Amino acid sequence: MIKSVENLLKRKPTGGKRKAYRSRRKYEIDRYAIETIVGSKEVVVKRVRGGNIKLACKSIEYANVADKDSKKVIKAKILKVVKNPANKDYSRRGVITKGSIIETEIGLAKVTSRPGQDGVVNAVKIAQKQTS
């Protein structure tokens, strides 16, 4: 269901109803968020405003991980989602969003892209704390 963002039928302070002063506009429509999970690559193509397209990942297997030390970008397999500060439920379900910490073949990485809107997972490798 595509719903409108704008609430045109607010009530008066007294509780009475108001009539909408205009109808809803096409540019106000909202979509359900596509929550990216770990799995074989599945991309959805969305038509957005201006006739443009957005690629959204439903599931993805690999991430482009930038390593600051070696100054290289490595395509690494995503093993699991360790933490997602955006939402506790996302952490439990393994949803990848911007800012989430993922475990890859080369170590932990922080996601810097928006997979639900970019169609790709880009990440930066996190330096591991050494215990002595």
C-alpha atoms as a PDB file:
ATOM      1  CA  MET A   1       0.000   0.000   0.000  1.00  0.00           C
ATOM      2  CA  ILE A   2       1.412   3.377  -0.976  1.00  0.00           C
ATOM      3  CA  LYS A   3       0.440   5.923   1.605  1.00  0.00           C
ATOM      4  CA  SER A   4       0.746   9.688   1.746  1.00  0.00           C
ATOM      5  CA  VAL A   5       3.144  11.374   4.149  1.00  0.00           C
ATOM      6  CA  GLU A   6       1.056  14.501   4.530  1.00  0.00           C
ATOM      7  CA  ASN A   7      -1.729  14.426   7.124  1.00  0.00           C
ATOM      8  CA  LEU A   8      -4.370  16.651   5.579  1.00  0.00           C
ATOM      9  CA  LEU A   9      -7.199  15.808   7.958  1.00  0.00           C
ATOM     10  CA  LYS A  10      -5.962  17.130  11.299  1.00  0.00           C
ATOM     11  CA  ARG A  11      -8.496  17.990  13.971  1.00  0.00           C
ATOM     12  CA  LYS A  12      -9.185  21.384  15.512  1.00  0.00           C
ATOM     13  CA  PRO A  13      -7.971  22.125  19.068  1.00  0.00           C
ATOM     14  CA  THR A  14     -11.607  21.724  20.180  1.00  0.00           C
ATOM     15  CA  GLY A  15     -11.753  18.199  18.717  1.00  0.00           C
ATOM     16  CA  GLY A  16     -13.894  19.112  15.716  1.00  0.00           C
ATOM     17  CA  LYS A  17     -13.105  17.811  12.242  1.00  0.00           C
ATOM     18  CA  ARG A  18     -11.583  19.916   9.466  1.00  0.00           C
ATOM     19  CA  LYS A  19     -11.989  19.420   5.750  1.00  0.00           C
ATOM     20  CA  ALA A  20      -8.834  18.860   3.701  1.00  0.00           C
ATOM     21  CA  TYR A  21      -7.923  22.051   1.862  1.00  0.00           C
ATOM     22  CA  ARG A  22      -6.415  20.077  -1.016  1.00  0.00           C
ATOM     23  CA  SER A  23      -5.978  16.497  -2.199  1.00  0.00           C
ATOM     24  CA  ARG A  24      -2.812  14.464  -1.789  1.00  0.00           C
ATOM     25  CA  ARG A  25       0.066  15.022  -4.207  1.00  0.00           C
ATOM     26  CA  LYS A  26       2.039  12.449  -6.148  1.00  0.00           C
ATOM     27  CA  TYR A  27       5.355  13.688  -4.662  1.00  0.00           C
ATOM     28  CA  GLU A  28       4.080  12.987  -1.116  1.00  0.00           C
ATOM     29  CA  ILE A  29       3.807   9.214  -1.538  1.00  0.00           C
ATOM     30  CA  ASP A  30       5.817   6.974   0.749  1.00  0.00           C
ATOM     31  CA  ARG A  31       6.968   3.377   0.305  1.00  0.00           C
ATOM     32  CA  TYR A  32       7.708   0.556   2.683  1.00  0.00           C
ATOM     33  CA  ALA A  33      11.385   0.355   3.570  1.00  0.00           C
ATOM     34  CA  ILE A  34      13.320  -2.484   1.951  1.00  0.00           C
ATOM     35  CA  GLU A  35      15.251  -4.192   4.743  1.00  0.00           C
ATOM     36  CA  THR A  36      18.467  -5.731   3.430  1.00  0.00           C
ATOM     37  CA  ILE A  37      19.499  -9.102   4.869  1.00  0.00           C
ATOM     38  CA  VAL A  38      22.422 -11.476   4.283  1.00  0.00           C
ATOM     39  CA  GLY A  39      21.781 -13.970   1.473  1.00  0.00           C
ATOM     40  CA  SER A  40      22.150 -14.469  -2.272  1.00  0.00           C
ATOM     41  CA  LYS A  41      22.003 -11.156  -4.156  1.00  0.00           C
ATOM     42  CA  GLU A  42      18.483  -9.915  -4.885  1.00  0.00           C
ATOM     43  CA  VAL A  43      17.984  -6.347  -6.178  1.00  0.00           C
ATOM     44  CA  VAL A  44      14.709  -4.460  -6.650  1.00  0.00           C
ATOM     45  CA  VAL A  45      14.443  -1.607  -9.173  1.00  0.00           C
ATOM     46  CA  LYS A  46      12.245   1.301  -8.005  1.00  0.00           C
ATOM     47  CA  ARG A  47      11.049   4.162 -10.201  1.00  0.00           C
ATOM     48  CA  VAL A  48      11.400   7.422  -8.293  1.00  0.00           C
ATOM     49  CA  ARG A  49      10.626  11.077  -8.907  1.00  0.00           C
ATOM     50  CA  GLY A  50      11.759  12.505 -12.220  1.00  0.00           C
ATOM     51  CA  GLY A  51      11.665   9.111 -13.949  1.00  0.00           C
ATOM     52  CA  ASN A  52      14.908   8.089 -12.243  1.00  0.00           C
ATOM     53  CA  ILE A  53      15.530   4.670 -10.762  1.00  0.00           C
ATOM     54  CA  LYS A  54      16.860   3.461  -7.412  1.00  0.00           C
ATOM     55  CA  LEU A  55      18.326   0.041  -6.855  1.00  0.00           C
ATOM     56  CA  ALA A  56      17.405  -1.520  -3.528  1.00  0.00           C
ATOM     57  CA  CYS A  57      18.960  -4.686  -2.093  1.00  0.00           C
ATOM     58  CA  LYS A  58      16.570  -7.198  -0.565  1.00  0.00           C
ATOM     59  CA  SER A  59      19.468  -9.504   0.199  1.00  0.00           C
ATOM     60  CA  ILE A  60      23.216  -9.377  -0.477  1.00  0.00           C
ATOM     61  CA  GLU A  61      26.183 -11.714  -0.096  1.00  0.00           C
ATOM     62  CA  TYR A  62      29.259  -9.499  -0.558  1.00  0.00           C
ATOM     63  CA  ALA A  63      30.422  -6.081   0.675  1.00  0.00           C
ATOM     64  CA  ASN A  64      33.053  -3.690  -0.675  1.00  0.00           C
ATOM     65  CA  VAL A  65      35.292  -3.208   2.366  1.00  0.00           C
ATOM     66  CA  ALA A  66      37.823  -0.353   2.394  1.00  0.00           C
ATOM     67  CA  ASP A  67      40.960  -1.065   4.433  1.00  0.00           C
ATOM     68  CA  LYS A  68      42.597   2.150   5.677  1.00  0.00           C
ATOM     69  CA  ASP A  69      45.925   0.460   6.453  1.00  0.00           C
ATOM     70  CA  SER A  70      46.544  -1.116   3.028  1.00  0.00           C
ATOM     71  CA  LYS A  71      44.516   1.603   1.233  1.00  0.00           C
ATOM     72  CA  LYS A  72      42.662  -0.997  -0.831  1.00  0.00           C
ATOM     73  CA  VAL A  73      39.041  -1.974  -1.348  1.00  0.00           C
ATOM     74  CA  ILE A  74      38.368  -5.694  -0.998  1.00  0.00           C
ATOM     75  CA  LYS A  75      35.220  -7.568  -2.007  1.00  0.00           C
ATOM     76  CA  ALA A  76      34.521  -9.649   1.092  1.00  0.00           C
ATOM     77  CA  LYS A  77      31.774 -12.133   1.962  1.00  0.00           C
ATOM     78  CA  ILE A  78      29.387 -10.990   4.697  1.00  0.00           C
ATOM     79  CA  LEU A  79      29.166 -13.592   7.457  1.00  0.00           C
ATOM     80  CA  LYS A  80      26.668 -11.949   9.829  1.00  0.00           C
ATOM     81  CA  VAL A  81      25.388  -8.677  11.281  1.00  0.00           C
ATOM     82  CA  VAL A  82      27.031  -8.110  14.667  1.00  0.00           C
ATOM     83  CA  LYS A  83      25.238  -4.915  15.729  1.00  0.00           C
ATOM     84  CA  ASN A  84      22.795  -2.406  14.277  1.00  0.00           C
ATOM     85  CA  PRO A  85      22.564   0.818  16.316  1.00  0.00           C
ATOM     86  CA  ALA A  86      19.565   1.996  14.270  1.00  0.00           C
ATOM     87  CA  ASN A  87      17.233  -0.578  15.830  1.00  0.00           C
ATOM     88  CA  LYS A  88      17.569  -3.439  18.347  1.00  0.00           C
ATOM     89  CA  ASP A  89      15.122  -5.508  16.316  1.00  0.00           C
ATOM     90  CA  TYR A  90      17.292  -5.047  13.207  1.00  0.00           C
ATOM     91  CA  SER A  91      20.274  -6.459  15.146  1.00  0.00           C
ATOM     92  CA  ARG A  92      18.258  -9.527  16.123  1.00  0.00           C
ATOM     93  CA  ARG A  93      16.895 -10.081  12.585  1.00  0.00           C
ATOM     94  CA  GLY A  94      20.211  -9.325  10.835  1.00  0.00           C
ATOM     95  CA  VAL A  95      19.069  -6.292   8.826  1.00  0.00           C
ATOM     96  CA  ILE A  96      21.861  -4.236   7.227  1.00  0.00           C
ATOM     97  CA  THR A  97      21.501  -0.441   7.272  1.00  0.00           C
ATOM     98  CA  LYS A  98      23.940   2.455   7.243  1.00  0.00           C
ATOM     99  CA  GLY A  99      26.005   2.399  10.435  1.00  0.00           C
ATOM    100  CA  SER A 100      25.547  -1.300  11.152  1.00  0.00           C
ATOM    101  CA  ILE A 101      28.562  -3.409  12.143  1.00  0.00           C
ATOM    102  CA  ILE A 102      29.019  -6.509   9.974  1.00  0.00           C
ATOM    103  CA  GLU A 103      31.401  -9.431  10.268  1.00  0.00           C
ATOM    104  CA  THR A 104      33.209 -10.206   7.005  1.00  0.00           C
ATOM    105  CA  GLU A 105      35.928 -12.632   5.941  1.00  0.00           C
ATOM    106  CA  ILE A 106      38.594  -9.983   6.594  1.00  0.00           C
ATOM    107  CA  GLY A 107      37.206  -8.774   9.939  1.00  0.00           C
ATOM    108  CA  LEU A 108      34.627  -6.364  11.345  1.00  0.00           C
ATOM    109  CA  ALA A 109      33.421  -3.480   9.167  1.00  0.00           C
ATOM    110  CA  LYS A 110      31.056  -0.536   9.517  1.00  0.00           C
ATOM    111  CA  VAL A 111      28.557  -0.004   6.673  1.00  0.00           C
ATOM    112  CA  THR A 112      28.828   3.436   5.027  1.00  0.00           C
ATOM    113  CA  SER A 113      26.290   3.055   2.199  1.00  0.00           C
ATOM    114  CA  ARG A 114      22.503   2.779   2.287  1.00  0.00           C
ATOM    115  CA  PRO A 115      21.784  -0.658   0.795  1.00  0.00           C
ATOM    116  CA  GLY A 116      18.019  -0.068   0.703  1.00  0.00           C
ATOM    117  CA  GLN A 117      18.610   2.888  -1.631  1.00  0.00           C
ATOM    118  CA  ASP A 118      22.034   2.327  -3.267  1.00  0.00           C
ATOM    119  CA  GLY A 119      21.783  -1.365  -4.100  1.00  0.00           C
ATOM    120  CA  VAL A 120      25.279  -2.089  -2.761  1.00  0.00           C
ATOM    121  CA  VAL A 121      26.986  -2.519   0.622  1.00  0.00           C
ATOM    122  CA  ASN A 122      30.108  -0.390   1.076  1.00  0.00           C
ATOM    123  CA  ALA A 123      31.944  -0.610   4.393  1.00  0.00           C
ATOM    124  CA  VAL A 124      35.082   0.519   6.215  1.00  0.00           C
ATOM    125  CA  LYS A 125      37.184  -1.992   8.140  1.00  0.00           C
ATOM    126  CA  ILE A 126      37.248  -1.394  11.896  1.00  0.00           C
ATOM    127  CA  ALA A 127      40.596  -1.649  13.671  1.00  0.00           C
ATOM    128  CA  GLN A 128      40.542  -4.430  16.277  1.00  0.00           C
ATOM    129  CA  LYS A 129      41.550  -3.507  19.833  1.00  0.00           C
ATOM    130  CA  GLN A 130      44.661  -5.386  20.894  1.00  0.00           C
ATOM    131  CA  THR A 131      44.856  -6.796  24.402  1.00  0.00           C
ATOM    132  CA  SER A 132      48.309  -7.034  25.960  1.00  0.00           C
END
